[in-house]
Amino acid sequence: MTTDRDQAKAEFISILKWIVLAAVLMVAGALFYLHWTGALSVHTVVATVLGVFFSVLLGCGLFAAAFFSDKSGIDRDVADATRQDRKP
């Protein structure tokens, strides 16, 4: 079981790296669009960088965490621990 968790952890870390890359690319795209439309100021840049980066990171990170918990067997452990054997 530890091998499943170790493999899931390695995949999770790899996915997080891709998520950070996607977030950086999204920020760059948003800043390019704002520059192109002419609505770029210091406050706009700071708000865009923080908002877009953390929104992408949070949304994708939660999906990655859900897949990690399933692949690592944590969901199965919790379900087994809380299951009550009921006899009819």
Protein backbone atom coordinates (compact mmCIF):
# COMPACT_ATOMS: atom_id res chain seq x y z
CA MET A 1 0.00 0.00 0.00
CA THR A 2 2.87 2.39 0.63
CA THR A 3 4.01 1.92 -2.95
CA ASP A 4 0.61 3.14 -4.18
CA ARG A 5 0.85 6.16 -1.91
CA ASP A 6 4.44 6.90 -2.93
CA GLN A 7 3.55 6.66 -6.61
CA ALA A 8 0.44 8.82 -6.10
CA LYS A 9 2.54 11.40 -4.21
CA ALA A 10 5.11 11.53 -7.03
CA GLU A 11 2.33 11.98 -9.60
CA PHE A 12 0.70 14.68 -7.45
CA ILE A 13 3.94 16.66 -7.26
CA SER A 14 4.40 16.34 -11.02
CA ILE A 15 0.84 17.53 -11.63
CA LEU A 16 1.36 20.50 -9.30
CA LYS A 17 4.34 21.59 -11.36
CA TRP A 18 2.19 21.53 -14.50
CA ILE A 19 -0.55 23.46 -12.69
CA VAL A 20 1.91 26.20 -11.68
CA LEU A 21 3.12 26.39 -15.28
CA ALA A 22 -0.47 26.68 -16.52
CA ALA A 23 -1.19 29.40 -13.96
CA VAL A 24 1.86 31.40 -15.05
CA LEU A 25 0.84 31.08 -18.69
CA MET A 26 -2.71 32.20 -17.84
CA VAL A 27 -1.34 35.25 -16.02
CA ALA A 28 0.86 36.09 -18.99
CA GLY A 29 -2.11 35.74 -21.35
CA ALA A 30 -4.31 37.92 -19.16
CA LEU A 31 -1.63 40.61 -18.89
CA PHE A 32 -1.05 40.51 -22.64
CA TYR A 33 -4.79 40.94 -23.24
CA LEU A 34 -4.99 43.85 -20.81
CA HIS A 35 -1.97 45.49 -22.42
CA TRP A 36 -3.50 44.98 -25.85
CA THR A 37 -6.77 46.65 -24.80
CA GLY A 38 -4.90 49.50 -23.10
CA ALA A 39 -6.38 48.96 -19.63
CA LEU A 40 -3.10 48.32 -17.85
CA SER A 41 -2.03 50.06 -14.66
CA VAL A 42 -0.01 49.00 -11.61
CA HIS A 43 -3.13 48.14 -9.63
CA THR A 44 -4.55 46.17 -12.54
CA VAL A 45 -1.34 44.19 -12.92
CA VAL A 46 -1.18 43.30 -9.22
CA ALA A 47 -4.86 42.35 -9.07
CA THR A 48 -4.63 40.28 -12.25
CA VAL A 49 -1.48 38.45 -11.20
CA LEU A 50 -2.85 37.58 -7.77
CA GLY A 51 -6.40 36.82 -8.91
CA VAL A 52 -5.66 34.74 -11.98
CA PHE A 53 -2.69 32.87 -10.49
CA PHE A 54 -4.39 31.85 -7.26
CA SER A 55 -7.72 31.08 -8.94
CA VAL A 56 -6.08 28.68 -11.38
CA LEU A 57 -3.92 27.22 -8.63
CA LEU A 58 -6.86 26.69 -6.28
CA GLY A 59 -9.22 25.24 -8.87
CA CYS A 60 -6.75 22.85 -10.42
CA GLY A 61 -5.12 22.04 -7.08
CA LEU A 62 -8.42 20.89 -5.60
CA PHE A 63 -9.02 18.58 -8.54
CA ALA A 64 -5.47 17.24 -8.21
CA ALA A 65 -6.01 16.66 -4.48
CA ALA A 66 -9.20 14.71 -5.21
CA PHE A 67 -7.37 12.48 -7.69
CA PHE A 68 -4.47 12.06 -5.23
CA SER A 69 -6.75 10.91 -2.42
CA ASP A 70 -8.40 8.39 -4.73
CA LYS A 71 -5.16 7.02 -6.20
CA SER A 72 -3.34 6.80 -2.88
CA GLY A 73 -6.07 4.76 -1.20
CA ILE A 74 -6.89 7.36 1.44
CA ASP A 75 -10.56 7.39 0.38
CA ARG A 76 -10.71 3.61 0.71
CA ASP A 77 -9.17 3.73 4.20
CA VAL A 78 -11.71 6.28 5.39
CA ALA A 79 -14.61 4.36 3.88
CA ASP A 80 -13.42 1.14 5.52
CA ALA A 81 -12.94 2.83 8.89
CA THR A 82 -16.41 4.37 8.94
CA ARG A 83 -18.31 1.42 7.50
CA GLN A 84 -20.66 -0.29 9.88
CA ASP A 85 -21.50 -3.89 9.20
CA ARG A 86 -25.25 -4.06 9.50
CA LYS A 87 -27.04 -7.31 9.80
CA PRO A 88 -30.64 -7.28 8.62
